[in-house]
Amino acid sequence: MAEEKLNAAKPATDDSTLDPTKSARLGAYWGVDTDPAKVQPPAGPPLLPCSAAVTSQLAKLGTRLSDLGDKPSKQLINWGYAVCDGSLRTNYTGPMHVTPPQLPYPDAPLTA
């Protein structure tokens, strides 16, 4: 639902600022089940290596207050970081200083 509301808003001004007289929204939406292919930045560094097979398995992890284990926990954190980075760089059109992204846990890759 949040993605639909974001997409349904009228465009922001050309300089990526909000016009208070219009119903505009700037931002990006992503979820744990976002397809990595949909958040490939058009410029700058590419999305961190992410396999759709791995990320779809992470999306299926149950929500509970118990330990997921070391590797799934680290992969989930890495996926959150990667999808946030990719989604922002794909959807935000304003000025942005981009440094090459790195996974917080390089020992838990998102590739098979």
Protein backbone atom coordinates (compact mmCIF):
# COMPACT_ATOMS: atom_id res chain seq x y z
CA MET A 1 0.00 0.00 0.00
CA ALA A 2 2.82 2.44 0.79
CA GLU A 3 4.35 1.85 -2.64
CA GLU A 4 1.01 2.58 -4.34
CA LYS A 5 0.64 5.86 -2.44
CA LEU A 6 4.18 6.89 -3.30
CA ASN A 7 3.68 6.05 -6.99
CA ALA A 8 0.26 7.73 -7.10
CA ALA A 9 1.58 11.10 -5.96
CA LYS A 10 2.06 13.90 -8.43
CA PRO A 11 5.66 14.58 -9.47
CA ALA A 12 7.82 16.85 -7.40
CA THR A 13 9.44 19.93 -8.90
CA ASP A 14 12.30 19.57 -11.38
CA ASP A 15 14.91 20.31 -8.72
CA SER A 16 13.58 17.42 -6.55
CA THR A 17 12.09 19.67 -3.90
CA LEU A 18 8.54 19.49 -2.64
CA ASP A 19 6.14 22.13 -3.87
CA PRO A 20 3.83 22.94 -0.92
CA THR A 21 0.99 23.74 -3.35
CA LYS A 22 1.04 20.23 -4.86
CA SER A 23 0.51 16.73 -3.54
CA ALA A 24 4.02 15.51 -4.24
CA ARG A 25 6.16 12.92 -2.53
CA LEU A 26 9.84 12.23 -2.83
CA GLY A 27 11.19 8.94 -1.71
CA ALA A 28 11.64 5.29 -2.35
CA TYR A 29 9.87 2.17 -1.21
CA TRP A 30 11.36 -1.24 -0.65
CA GLY A 31 10.49 -4.34 1.30
CA VAL A 32 12.17 -7.57 2.29
CA ASP A 33 10.53 -9.19 -0.75
CA THR A 34 11.71 -6.60 -3.29
CA ASP A 35 13.17 -8.13 -6.45
CA PRO A 36 16.86 -7.09 -6.68
CA ALA A 37 16.43 -6.52 -10.43
CA LYS A 38 13.98 -3.67 -9.69
CA VAL A 39 16.49 -1.65 -7.68
CA GLN A 40 19.41 -1.49 -10.10
CA PRO A 41 20.69 2.11 -9.98
CA PRO A 42 20.86 3.75 -13.42
CA ALA A 43 24.16 5.48 -12.62
CA GLY A 44 27.00 5.18 -10.20
CA PRO A 45 28.08 1.94 -8.59
CA PRO A 46 25.87 -1.09 -9.34
CA LEU A 47 23.76 -2.76 -6.70
CA LEU A 48 25.74 -4.94 -4.36
CA PRO A 49 25.75 -8.56 -5.61
CA CYS A 50 22.34 -10.05 -4.73
CA SER A 51 20.81 -13.27 -5.95
CA ALA A 52 17.02 -13.26 -6.30
CA ALA A 53 17.06 -16.86 -5.07
CA VAL A 54 18.83 -15.85 -1.84
CA THR A 55 16.77 -12.71 -1.21
CA SER A 56 13.47 -14.53 -1.83
CA GLN A 57 14.49 -17.11 0.79
CA LEU A 58 15.26 -14.29 3.24
CA ALA A 59 11.79 -12.85 2.58
CA LYS A 60 10.28 -16.17 3.63
CA LEU A 61 11.96 -16.19 7.04
CA GLY A 62 9.35 -16.27 9.78
CA THR A 63 8.84 -13.26 11.98
CA ARG A 64 9.52 -14.27 15.54
CA LEU A 65 11.42 -13.22 18.61
CA SER A 66 13.97 -15.99 18.40
CA ASP A 67 17.49 -16.29 17.10
CA LEU A 68 17.58 -16.88 13.33
CA GLY A 69 21.17 -18.03 13.47
CA ASP A 70 24.35 -16.21 12.57
CA LYS A 71 24.35 -16.48 8.76
CA PRO A 72 20.63 -15.73 8.14
CA SER A 73 20.77 -12.78 10.55
CA LYS A 74 23.80 -11.31 8.81
CA GLN A 75 22.30 -11.94 5.37
CA LEU A 76 19.07 -10.23 6.40
CA ILE A 77 21.03 -7.18 7.59
CA ASN A 78 23.06 -7.19 4.36
CA TRP A 79 19.87 -7.44 2.26
CA GLY A 80 18.28 -4.55 4.15
CA TYR A 81 21.36 -2.45 3.50
CA ALA A 82 21.65 -3.44 -0.18
CA VAL A 83 17.96 -2.95 -1.03
CA CYS A 84 17.85 0.42 0.77
CA ASP A 85 20.97 1.62 -1.05
CA GLY A 86 19.74 0.38 -4.44
CA SER A 87 16.21 1.69 -4.03
CA LEU A 88 17.32 5.16 -2.98
CA ARG A 89 19.85 5.43 -5.80
CA THR A 90 17.27 4.12 -8.30
CA ASN A 91 14.35 6.34 -7.26
CA TYR A 92 15.80 9.55 -5.81
CA THR A 93 16.68 12.07 -8.50
CA GLY A 94 18.14 14.83 -6.36
CA PRO A 95 21.79 15.49 -5.66
CA MET A 96 23.49 12.66 -3.85
CA HIS A 97 27.07 11.92 -2.88
CA VAL A 98 27.59 8.26 -3.66
CA THR A 99 30.48 6.24 -2.36
CA PRO A 100 30.82 2.62 -3.44
CA PRO A 101 28.57 0.58 -1.14
CA GLN A 102 29.89 -2.26 0.98
CA LEU A 103 28.02 -4.94 2.86
CA PRO A 104 28.15 -4.64 6.66
CA TYR A 105 28.84 -8.40 6.85
CA PRO A 106 31.03 -9.42 3.89
CA ASP A 107 31.23 -12.95 5.33
CA ALA A 108 27.46 -13.42 4.64
CA PRO A 109 27.09 -12.80 0.88
CA LEU A 110 23.72 -12.53 -0.85
CA THR A 111 24.70 -14.73 -3.74
CA ALA A 112 24.29 -18.48 -4.07
